[in-house]
Every structure is written in C-alpha cells, then in structure tokens.
C-alpha cells in the first residue's frame, strides 16, 4: 500500500507540473500566433505561472488558448499512448483547468484568467459550459484513475 501511495503522490506532482505547463504554454502559443509580443513569462510550477503580452491584439484568443491546450494536449497524448498513468495525468488536467476557470470566476481575482476573459468580452455561457464539461468529465475520469492506482485488486471470496 505504501508503494501505491508513493506512486499516487508522484503522479499528482507530475500532473500539476503538466497542467501548469500545458495551460501556460497554450497562452504563450495563442498570444504569439495572434501577433502579440511576449514581454514576460514564468513557467515554474511551484507558484502561479503567467505570461504577459504587450501588445496583445487578440487577448480573448490568448486567454482561451490556455485552458484549451491545457486539456487538449494531455488528452491527445493519453489517447495516443494508452497508459493508465497518462490517463491519470490527462484527467487531472481536464479537472484542474475547469476548476481553475470556475474558481477564478467566483473569486474575481483580477489577474486570473476568467475575470480577464469576461473583461475582454467572453460569453459567460461559454465559460460556464467549459467549466461544467471539464469538471464533470474530469472528475469522473480522475476518480476512476485514482481507484485504479489506489484500489486493491479484486480477490474472490471463498464461500465454504
């Protein structure tokens, strides 16, 4: 059991790093593709990563690219490689990206993605739909992945 818990903790740590990296890389790619000039960035996972563009001609596209790539990249890799540990990471990323946008909306922190999206004209219904879908599917998949990693294998009970 200790080995499973250690494996679980390592996977959580890797999942956090993958989630922050893919999410922020999405912002960077989106901003650069939309003609923005990257002024500053920080991808270190032990605090909230960020990227600053000035100018950013399409800030809403830059903002949406983070949560979109943050889900798309890990899920695509898990689909291609088909390993349980990759699905664990992918489901974590799906759940975390949706939760991040939902909590950002509730908290209203001015430097978080959701308030910035709303400030730049994002449709609240689309943000809510993204949050509902990613949190729902992410939770279901992440729960299954956790059970796979932490659960005991079934043993037949003797009935004698």
N, C-alpha and C. Protein backbone atom coordinates (compact mmCIF):
# COMPACT_ATOMS: atom_id res chain seq x y z
N UNK A 1 0.82 -1.19 0.00
CA UNK A 1 0.00 0.00 0.00
C UNK A 1 0.87 1.27 0.00
N UNK A 2 1.99 1.23 0.70
CA UNK A 2 2.89 2.38 0.73
C UNK A 2 3.38 2.70 -0.68
N UNK A 3 3.66 1.66 -1.44
CA UNK A 3 4.13 1.85 -2.81
C UNK A 3 3.06 2.53 -3.66
N UNK A 4 1.81 2.14 -3.48
CA UNK A 4 0.71 2.76 -4.24
C UNK A 4 0.55 4.23 -3.87
N UNK A 5 0.66 4.53 -2.59
CA UNK A 5 0.53 5.92 -2.15
C UNK A 5 1.67 6.76 -2.69
N UNK A 6 2.87 6.23 -2.66
CA UNK A 6 4.02 6.95 -3.22
C UNK A 6 3.83 7.19 -4.71
N UNK A 7 3.37 6.16 -5.41
CA UNK A 7 3.08 6.28 -6.84
C UNK A 7 2.03 7.37 -7.08
N UNK A 8 1.00 7.39 -6.24
CA UNK A 8 -0.07 8.38 -6.34
C UNK A 8 0.47 9.80 -6.13
N UNK A 9 1.28 10.00 -5.12
CA UNK A 9 1.85 11.32 -4.83
C UNK A 9 2.75 11.79 -5.97
N UNK A 10 3.54 10.89 -6.50
CA UNK A 10 4.41 11.24 -7.64
C UNK A 10 3.56 11.63 -8.84
N UNK A 11 2.51 10.86 -9.11
CA UNK A 11 1.63 11.18 -10.24
C UNK A 11 0.92 12.52 -10.04
N UNK A 12 0.51 12.83 -8.82
CA UNK A 12 -0.11 14.13 -8.55
C UNK A 12 0.86 15.27 -8.82
N UNK A 13 2.10 15.09 -8.39
CA UNK A 13 3.12 16.12 -8.61
C UNK A 13 3.38 16.32 -10.10
N UNK A 14 3.54 15.23 -10.82
CA UNK A 14 3.76 15.31 -12.27
C UNK A 14 2.54 15.93 -12.95
N UNK A 15 1.35 15.54 -12.50
CA UNK A 15 0.11 16.08 -13.09
C UNK A 15 0.03 17.58 -12.93
N UNK A 16 0.38 18.07 -11.74
CA UNK A 16 0.36 19.52 -11.51
C UNK A 16 1.33 20.22 -12.46
N UNK A 17 2.52 19.68 -12.59
CA UNK A 17 3.53 20.28 -13.47
C UNK A 17 3.07 20.27 -14.92
N UNK A 18 2.50 19.17 -15.38
CA UNK A 18 2.00 19.07 -16.75
C UNK A 18 0.85 20.05 -16.97
N UNK A 19 -0.05 20.13 -16.00
CA UNK A 19 -1.20 21.02 -16.13
C UNK A 19 -0.76 22.47 -16.23
N UNK A 20 0.11 22.91 -15.33
CA UNK A 20 0.54 24.32 -15.37
C UNK A 20 1.33 24.62 -16.64
N UNK A 21 2.16 23.67 -17.06
CA UNK A 21 2.98 23.88 -18.25
C UNK A 21 2.12 23.95 -19.51
N UNK A 22 1.20 22.99 -19.69
CA UNK A 22 0.39 22.98 -20.92
C UNK A 22 -0.57 24.17 -20.96
N UNK A 23 -1.13 24.52 -19.81
CA UNK A 23 -2.04 25.66 -19.75
C UNK A 23 -1.31 26.95 -20.12
N UNK A 24 -0.19 27.19 -19.48
CA UNK A 24 0.53 28.44 -19.75
C UNK A 24 1.15 28.45 -21.14
N UNK A 25 1.61 27.30 -21.61
CA UNK A 25 2.13 27.20 -22.97
C UNK A 25 1.03 27.52 -23.98
N UNK A 26 -0.20 27.13 -23.66
CA UNK A 26 -1.33 27.49 -24.51
C UNK A 26 -1.49 29.00 -24.63
N UNK A 27 -1.39 29.70 -23.50
CA UNK A 27 -1.45 31.16 -23.54
C UNK A 27 -0.32 31.72 -24.40
N UNK A 28 0.87 31.20 -24.22
CA UNK A 28 2.04 31.71 -24.96
C UNK A 28 1.87 31.46 -26.45
N UNK A 29 1.49 30.24 -26.81
CA UNK A 29 1.28 29.93 -28.23
C UNK A 29 0.17 30.78 -28.83
N UNK A 30 -0.93 30.91 -28.09
CA UNK A 30 -2.05 31.71 -28.57
C UNK A 30 -1.67 33.16 -28.77
N UNK A 31 -0.98 33.72 -27.79
CA UNK A 31 -0.56 35.12 -27.90
C UNK A 31 0.39 35.35 -29.06
N UNK A 32 1.35 34.45 -29.21
CA UNK A 32 2.33 34.59 -30.31
C UNK A 32 1.66 34.41 -31.67
N UNK A 33 0.76 33.44 -31.78
CA UNK A 33 0.06 33.19 -33.05
C UNK A 33 -0.87 34.35 -33.42
N UNK A 34 -1.35 35.06 -32.43
CA UNK A 34 -2.26 36.19 -32.69
C UNK A 34 -1.53 37.51 -32.84
N UNK A 35 -0.21 37.47 -32.89
CA UNK A 35 0.56 38.69 -33.13
C UNK A 35 0.97 39.46 -31.89
N UNK A 36 0.81 38.86 -30.73
CA UNK A 36 1.21 39.52 -29.50
C UNK A 36 2.71 39.48 -29.31
N UNK A 37 3.21 40.40 -28.48
CA UNK A 37 4.63 40.44 -28.14
C UNK A 37 4.77 40.00 -26.70
N UNK A 38 5.45 38.87 -26.49
CA UNK A 38 5.64 38.33 -25.15
C UNK A 38 6.66 39.19 -24.41
N UNK A 39 6.22 39.81 -23.32
CA UNK A 39 7.09 40.68 -22.53
C UNK A 39 7.72 39.94 -21.35
N UNK A 40 6.97 39.03 -20.75
CA UNK A 40 7.47 38.32 -19.57
C UNK A 40 6.68 37.03 -19.40
N UNK A 41 7.37 36.01 -18.93
CA UNK A 41 6.70 34.74 -18.67
C UNK A 41 7.40 34.02 -17.53
N UNK A 42 6.66 33.16 -16.88
CA UNK A 42 7.20 32.32 -15.82
C UNK A 42 6.43 31.01 -15.85
N UNK A 43 7.14 29.92 -16.09
CA UNK A 43 6.50 28.61 -16.18
C UNK A 43 6.78 27.72 -14.98
N UNK A 44 7.40 28.25 -13.95
CA UNK A 44 7.74 27.43 -12.78
C UNK A 44 6.46 26.98 -12.08
N UNK A 45 6.32 25.67 -11.83
CA UNK A 45 5.05 25.14 -11.33
C UNK A 45 4.79 25.34 -9.84
N UNK A 46 5.77 25.79 -9.07
CA UNK A 46 5.53 25.90 -7.63
C UNK A 46 4.90 27.22 -7.22
N UNK A 47 4.60 28.08 -8.19
CA UNK A 47 3.74 29.24 -7.96
C UNK A 47 2.91 29.42 -9.22
N UNK A 48 2.03 30.38 -9.23
CA UNK A 48 1.11 30.52 -10.36
C UNK A 48 1.86 31.03 -11.59
N UNK A 49 2.04 30.17 -12.61
CA UNK A 49 2.72 30.60 -13.83
C UNK A 49 1.93 31.71 -14.53
N UNK A 50 2.62 32.51 -15.31
CA UNK A 50 1.96 33.60 -16.02
C UNK A 50 2.74 33.93 -17.29
N UNK A 51 2.06 34.66 -18.17
CA UNK A 51 2.69 35.22 -19.37
C UNK A 51 2.04 36.56 -19.63
N UNK A 52 2.87 37.53 -19.96
CA UNK A 52 2.38 38.88 -20.21
C UNK A 52 2.73 39.30 -21.63
N UNK A 53 1.71 39.74 -22.36
CA UNK A 53 1.89 40.21 -23.73
C UNK A 53 1.59 41.71 -23.79
N UNK A 54 2.42 42.43 -24.53
CA UNK A 54 2.16 43.85 -24.74
C UNK A 54 2.82 44.27 -26.04
N UNK A 55 2.11 44.52 -27.08
CA UNK A 55 0.65 44.49 -27.17
C UNK A 55 0.14 43.07 -27.38
N UNK A 56 -1.15 42.91 -27.13
CA UNK A 56 -1.84 41.64 -27.39
C UNK A 56 -3.08 41.97 -28.21
N UNK A 57 -2.97 41.85 -29.55
CA UNK A 57 -4.08 42.26 -30.42
C UNK A 57 -5.36 41.46 -30.21
N UNK A 58 -5.25 40.22 -29.79
CA UNK A 58 -6.40 39.34 -29.59
C UNK A 58 -6.35 38.72 -28.18
N UNK A 59 -6.54 39.51 -27.14
CA UNK A 59 -6.39 38.99 -25.77
C UNK A 59 -7.35 37.86 -25.44
N UNK A 60 -8.54 37.90 -26.01
CA UNK A 60 -9.50 36.83 -25.71
C UNK A 60 -9.02 35.49 -26.28
N UNK A 61 -8.45 35.51 -27.48
CA UNK A 61 -7.89 34.28 -28.07
C UNK A 61 -6.71 33.79 -27.23
N UNK A 62 -5.86 34.70 -26.81
CA UNK A 62 -4.71 34.34 -25.96
C UNK A 62 -5.19 33.68 -24.68
N UNK A 63 -6.22 34.26 -24.06
CA UNK A 63 -6.74 33.72 -22.81
C UNK A 63 -7.38 32.35 -22.99
N UNK A 64 -8.17 32.16 -24.05
CA UNK A 64 -8.83 30.87 -24.27
C UNK A 64 -7.84 29.75 -24.63
N UNK A 65 -6.74 30.11 -25.27
CA UNK A 65 -5.77 29.08 -25.68
C UNK A 65 -5.17 28.33 -24.49
N UNK A 66 -5.07 28.96 -23.33
CA UNK A 66 -4.53 28.29 -22.15
C UNK A 66 -5.37 27.10 -21.72
N UNK A 67 -6.64 27.30 -21.39
CA UNK A 67 -7.46 26.17 -20.97
C UNK A 67 -7.75 25.16 -22.10
N UNK A 68 -7.73 25.64 -23.33
CA UNK A 68 -7.98 24.70 -24.43
C UNK A 68 -6.78 23.77 -24.62
N UNK A 69 -5.57 24.33 -24.74
CA UNK A 69 -4.39 23.47 -24.88
C UNK A 69 -4.12 22.70 -23.60
N UNK A 70 -4.47 23.29 -22.45
CA UNK A 70 -4.28 22.62 -21.17
C UNK A 70 -5.08 21.34 -21.03
N UNK A 71 -6.14 21.22 -21.81
CA UNK A 71 -6.95 19.98 -21.84
C UNK A 71 -6.58 19.15 -23.06
N UNK A 72 -6.48 19.79 -24.21
CA UNK A 72 -6.28 19.07 -25.47
C UNK A 72 -4.96 18.30 -25.50
N UNK A 73 -3.87 18.92 -25.09
CA UNK A 73 -2.55 18.26 -25.19
C UNK A 73 -2.46 16.99 -24.32
N UNK A 74 -2.79 17.04 -23.03
CA UNK A 74 -2.68 15.81 -22.23
C UNK A 74 -3.65 14.70 -22.68
N UNK A 75 -4.87 15.09 -23.08
CA UNK A 75 -5.84 14.08 -23.52
C UNK A 75 -5.38 13.44 -24.82
N UNK A 76 -4.85 14.23 -25.74
CA UNK A 76 -4.35 13.69 -27.01
C UNK A 76 -3.21 12.71 -26.78
N UNK A 77 -2.29 13.06 -25.91
CA UNK A 77 -1.16 12.16 -25.60
C UNK A 77 -1.68 10.87 -24.96
N UNK A 78 -2.61 10.99 -24.02
CA UNK A 78 -3.17 9.79 -23.38
C UNK A 78 -3.91 8.92 -24.39
N UNK A 79 -4.62 9.53 -25.32
CA UNK A 79 -5.32 8.76 -26.36
C UNK A 79 -4.34 8.01 -27.25
N UNK A 80 -3.22 8.64 -27.57
CA UNK A 80 -2.24 8.03 -28.47
C UNK A 80 -1.44 6.92 -27.79
N UNK A 81 -1.06 7.12 -26.54
CA UNK A 81 -0.17 6.18 -25.86
C UNK A 81 -0.92 5.12 -25.06
N UNK A 82 -2.11 5.44 -24.56
CA UNK A 82 -2.97 4.49 -23.85
C UNK A 82 -2.29 3.80 -22.66
N UNK A 83 -1.84 4.59 -21.72
CA UNK A 83 -1.28 4.08 -20.46
C UNK A 83 -2.11 4.65 -19.31
N UNK A 84 -2.36 3.85 -18.28
CA UNK A 84 -3.17 4.30 -17.15
C UNK A 84 -2.61 5.55 -16.50
N UNK A 85 -1.30 5.61 -16.33
CA UNK A 85 -0.70 6.77 -15.67
C UNK A 85 -0.85 8.03 -16.51
N UNK A 86 -0.87 7.91 -17.83
CA UNK A 86 -1.10 9.07 -18.68
C UNK A 86 -2.56 9.53 -18.61
N UNK A 87 -3.46 8.58 -18.46
CA UNK A 87 -4.87 8.95 -18.29
C UNK A 87 -5.08 9.65 -16.96
N UNK A 88 -4.37 9.22 -15.94
CA UNK A 88 -4.42 9.90 -14.64
C UNK A 88 -4.05 11.37 -14.82
N UNK A 89 -2.94 11.62 -15.50
CA UNK A 89 -2.47 12.99 -15.73
C UNK A 89 -3.47 13.76 -16.58
N UNK A 90 -3.97 13.14 -17.64
CA UNK A 90 -4.92 13.81 -18.53
C UNK A 90 -6.20 14.18 -17.78
N UNK A 91 -6.74 13.25 -17.01
CA UNK A 91 -7.97 13.54 -16.26
C UNK A 91 -7.74 14.63 -15.23
N UNK A 92 -6.59 14.62 -14.59
CA UNK A 92 -6.25 15.68 -13.64
C UNK A 92 -6.25 17.03 -14.36
N UNK A 93 -5.62 17.09 -15.54
CA UNK A 93 -5.53 18.34 -16.29
C UNK A 93 -6.92 18.84 -16.71
N UNK A 94 -7.78 17.93 -17.13
CA UNK A 94 -9.15 18.32 -17.51
C UNK A 94 -9.87 18.91 -16.30
N UNK A 95 -9.83 18.19 -15.19
CA UNK A 95 -10.50 18.65 -13.97
C UNK A 95 -9.90 19.97 -13.47
N UNK A 96 -8.59 20.07 -13.46
CA UNK A 96 -7.93 21.26 -12.93
C UNK A 96 -8.19 22.50 -13.78
N UNK A 97 -8.19 22.36 -15.09
CA UNK A 97 -8.45 23.52 -15.94
C UNK A 97 -9.87 24.05 -15.76
N UNK A 98 -10.84 23.17 -15.69
CA UNK A 98 -12.22 23.60 -15.46
C UNK A 98 -12.40 24.20 -14.08
N UNK A 99 -11.79 23.58 -13.09
CA UNK A 99 -11.89 24.10 -11.72
C UNK A 99 -11.22 25.46 -11.60
N UNK A 100 -10.08 25.63 -12.26
CA UNK A 100 -9.37 26.91 -12.23
C UNK A 100 -10.25 28.03 -12.79
N UNK A 101 -10.89 27.78 -13.94
CA UNK A 101 -11.75 28.83 -14.50
C UNK A 101 -12.95 29.10 -13.61
N UNK A 102 -13.55 28.04 -13.05
CA UNK A 102 -14.71 28.22 -12.17
C UNK A 102 -14.33 29.00 -10.91
N UNK A 103 -13.24 28.61 -10.27
CA UNK A 103 -12.81 29.30 -9.05
C UNK A 103 -12.37 30.73 -9.34
N UNK A 104 -11.76 30.94 -10.50
CA UNK A 104 -11.37 32.29 -10.89
C UNK A 104 -12.59 33.19 -11.07
N UNK A 105 -13.65 32.60 -11.58
CA UNK A 105 -14.90 33.35 -11.77
C UNK A 105 -15.49 33.73 -10.41
N UNK A 106 -15.51 32.78 -9.50
CA UNK A 106 -16.08 33.01 -8.16
C UNK A 106 -15.23 34.00 -7.37
N UNK A 107 -13.91 33.82 -7.42
CA UNK A 107 -13.03 34.68 -6.60
C UNK A 107 -12.92 36.09 -7.18
N UNK A 108 -12.98 36.20 -8.51
CA UNK A 108 -12.90 37.51 -9.15
C UNK A 108 -11.51 38.13 -9.12
N UNK A 109 -10.48 37.34 -8.79
CA UNK A 109 -9.10 37.87 -8.77
C UNK A 109 -8.75 38.49 -10.11
N UNK A 110 -8.34 39.74 -10.11
CA UNK A 110 -8.20 40.46 -11.38
C UNK A 110 -7.09 39.94 -12.27
N UNK A 111 -6.16 39.17 -11.76
CA UNK A 111 -5.08 38.62 -12.59
C UNK A 111 -5.36 37.21 -13.07
N UNK A 112 -6.49 36.64 -12.68
CA UNK A 112 -6.84 35.28 -13.09
C UNK A 112 -7.50 35.31 -14.46
N UNK A 113 -7.51 34.15 -15.12
CA UNK A 113 -7.99 34.09 -16.50
C UNK A 113 -9.47 34.45 -16.66
N UNK A 114 -10.34 33.94 -15.81
CA UNK A 114 -11.77 34.13 -16.02
C UNK A 114 -12.19 35.60 -15.95
N UNK A 115 -11.78 36.36 -14.91
CA UNK A 115 -12.15 37.78 -14.92
C UNK A 115 -11.59 38.53 -16.13
N UNK A 116 -10.38 38.15 -16.57
CA UNK A 116 -9.80 38.78 -17.77
C UNK A 116 -10.63 38.42 -19.00
N UNK A 117 -11.07 37.16 -19.09
CA UNK A 117 -11.89 36.73 -20.23
C UNK A 117 -13.18 37.55 -20.28
N UNK A 118 -13.83 37.68 -19.14
CA UNK A 118 -15.07 38.44 -19.08
C UNK A 118 -14.83 39.91 -19.41
N UNK A 119 -13.73 40.44 -18.95
CA UNK A 119 -13.36 41.84 -19.23
C UNK A 119 -13.18 42.08 -20.73
N UNK A 120 -12.66 41.07 -21.43
CA UNK A 120 -12.41 41.20 -22.87
C UNK A 120 -13.57 40.70 -23.72
N UNK A 121 -14.72 40.44 -23.09
CA UNK A 121 -15.93 40.14 -23.86
C UNK A 121 -16.27 38.68 -24.05
N UNK A 122 -15.68 37.79 -23.27
CA UNK A 122 -16.03 36.37 -23.39
C UNK A 122 -17.49 36.16 -23.00
N UNK A 123 -18.11 35.24 -23.66
CA UNK A 123 -19.50 34.90 -23.36
C UNK A 123 -19.55 34.08 -22.06
N UNK A 124 -20.23 34.57 -21.05
CA UNK A 124 -20.31 33.83 -19.78
C UNK A 124 -20.88 32.42 -19.94
N UNK A 125 -21.79 32.25 -20.89
CA UNK A 125 -22.39 30.92 -21.11
C UNK A 125 -21.32 29.94 -21.61
N UNK A 126 -20.42 30.40 -22.49
CA UNK A 126 -19.35 29.52 -22.98
C UNK A 126 -18.38 29.16 -21.86
N UNK A 127 -18.06 30.11 -21.01
CA UNK A 127 -17.17 29.81 -19.87
C UNK A 127 -17.85 28.81 -18.95
N UNK A 128 -19.14 29.02 -18.66
CA UNK A 128 -19.88 28.10 -17.79
C UNK A 128 -19.95 26.70 -18.42
N UNK A 129 -20.20 26.63 -19.72
CA UNK A 129 -20.25 25.34 -20.41
C UNK A 129 -18.90 24.63 -20.35
N UNK A 130 -17.82 25.37 -20.59
CA UNK A 130 -16.48 24.80 -20.48
C UNK A 130 -16.26 24.23 -19.08
N UNK A 131 -16.62 25.02 -18.06
CA UNK A 131 -16.42 24.59 -16.67
C UNK A 131 -17.24 23.35 -16.35
N UNK A 132 -18.51 23.34 -16.74
CA UNK A 132 -19.37 22.19 -16.45
C UNK A 132 -18.84 20.93 -17.13
N UNK A 133 -18.47 21.04 -18.39
CA UNK A 133 -18.00 19.86 -19.13
C UNK A 133 -16.66 19.35 -18.59
N UNK A 134 -15.71 20.25 -18.39
CA UNK A 134 -14.39 19.79 -17.94
C UNK A 134 -14.43 19.29 -16.50
N UNK A 135 -15.17 19.95 -15.64
CA UNK A 135 -15.25 19.49 -14.25
C UNK A 135 -15.98 18.14 -14.20
N UNK A 136 -17.05 17.99 -14.94
CA UNK A 136 -17.81 16.72 -14.94
C UNK A 136 -16.98 15.56 -15.47
N UNK A 137 -16.50 15.70 -16.70
CA UNK A 137 -15.72 14.62 -17.30
C UNK A 137 -14.39 14.42 -16.58
N UNK A 138 -13.78 15.51 -16.17
CA UNK A 138 -12.52 15.42 -15.44
C UNK A 138 -12.69 14.69 -14.12
N UNK A 139 -13.76 15.00 -13.39
CA UNK A 139 -13.99 14.34 -12.10
C UNK A 139 -14.23 12.84 -12.28
N UNK A 140 -15.07 12.49 -13.22
CA UNK A 140 -15.38 11.07 -13.46
C UNK A 140 -14.10 10.32 -13.84
N UNK A 141 -13.35 10.85 -14.77
CA UNK A 141 -12.12 10.18 -15.20
C UNK A 141 -11.06 10.16 -14.12
N UNK A 142 -10.90 11.26 -13.40
CA UNK A 142 -9.89 11.32 -12.35
C UNK A 142 -10.23 10.37 -11.21
N UNK A 143 -11.50 10.27 -10.87
CA UNK A 143 -11.93 9.33 -9.83
C UNK A 143 -11.61 7.90 -10.23
N UNK A 144 -11.91 7.56 -11.46
CA UNK A 144 -11.59 6.21 -11.96
C UNK A 144 -10.08 5.96 -11.92
N UNK A 145 -9.32 6.94 -12.33
CA UNK A 145 -7.86 6.80 -12.32
C UNK A 145 -7.34 6.61 -10.90
N UNK A 146 -7.89 7.35 -9.96
CA UNK A 146 -7.48 7.22 -8.55
C UNK A 146 -7.80 5.83 -8.02
N UNK A 147 -8.97 5.33 -8.36
CA UNK A 147 -9.36 3.99 -7.92
C UNK A 147 -8.42 2.95 -8.51
N UNK A 148 -8.07 3.11 -9.77
CA UNK A 148 -7.13 2.18 -10.42
C UNK A 148 -5.79 2.15 -9.71
N UNK A 149 -5.32 3.31 -9.31
CA UNK A 149 -3.99 3.41 -8.70
C UNK A 149 -4.00 3.00 -7.23
N UNK A 150 -5.02 3.44 -6.51
CA UNK A 150 -5.06 3.20 -5.08
C UNK A 150 -5.87 1.98 -4.66
N UNK A 151 -6.76 1.52 -5.53
CA UNK A 151 -7.65 0.41 -5.19
C UNK A 151 -6.93 -0.92 -5.12
N UNK A 152 -7.49 -1.79 -4.35
CA UNK A 152 -6.95 -3.15 -4.26
C UNK A 152 -7.52 -3.99 -5.39
N UNK A 153 -6.74 -4.93 -5.88
CA UNK A 153 -7.28 -5.83 -6.88
C UNK A 153 -8.34 -6.72 -6.24
N UNK A 154 -9.35 -7.07 -7.02
CA UNK A 154 -10.41 -7.93 -6.51
C UNK A 154 -9.88 -9.33 -6.23
N UNK A 155 -10.32 -9.89 -5.14
CA UNK A 155 -9.99 -11.28 -4.81
C UNK A 155 -11.30 -12.02 -4.62
N UNK A 156 -11.35 -13.20 -5.16
CA UNK A 156 -12.56 -14.00 -4.98
C UNK A 156 -12.69 -14.43 -3.53
N UNK A 157 -13.87 -14.28 -3.02
CA UNK A 157 -14.15 -14.71 -1.66
C UNK A 157 -14.57 -16.18 -1.69
N UNK A 158 -14.07 -16.91 -0.74
CA UNK A 158 -14.47 -18.32 -0.63
C UNK A 158 -15.81 -18.39 0.08
N UNK A 159 -16.65 -19.20 -0.44
CA UNK A 159 -17.98 -19.35 0.17
C UNK A 159 -18.15 -20.79 0.71
N UNK A 160 -17.26 -21.17 1.56
CA UNK A 160 -17.38 -22.52 2.14
C UNK A 160 -17.46 -22.47 3.63
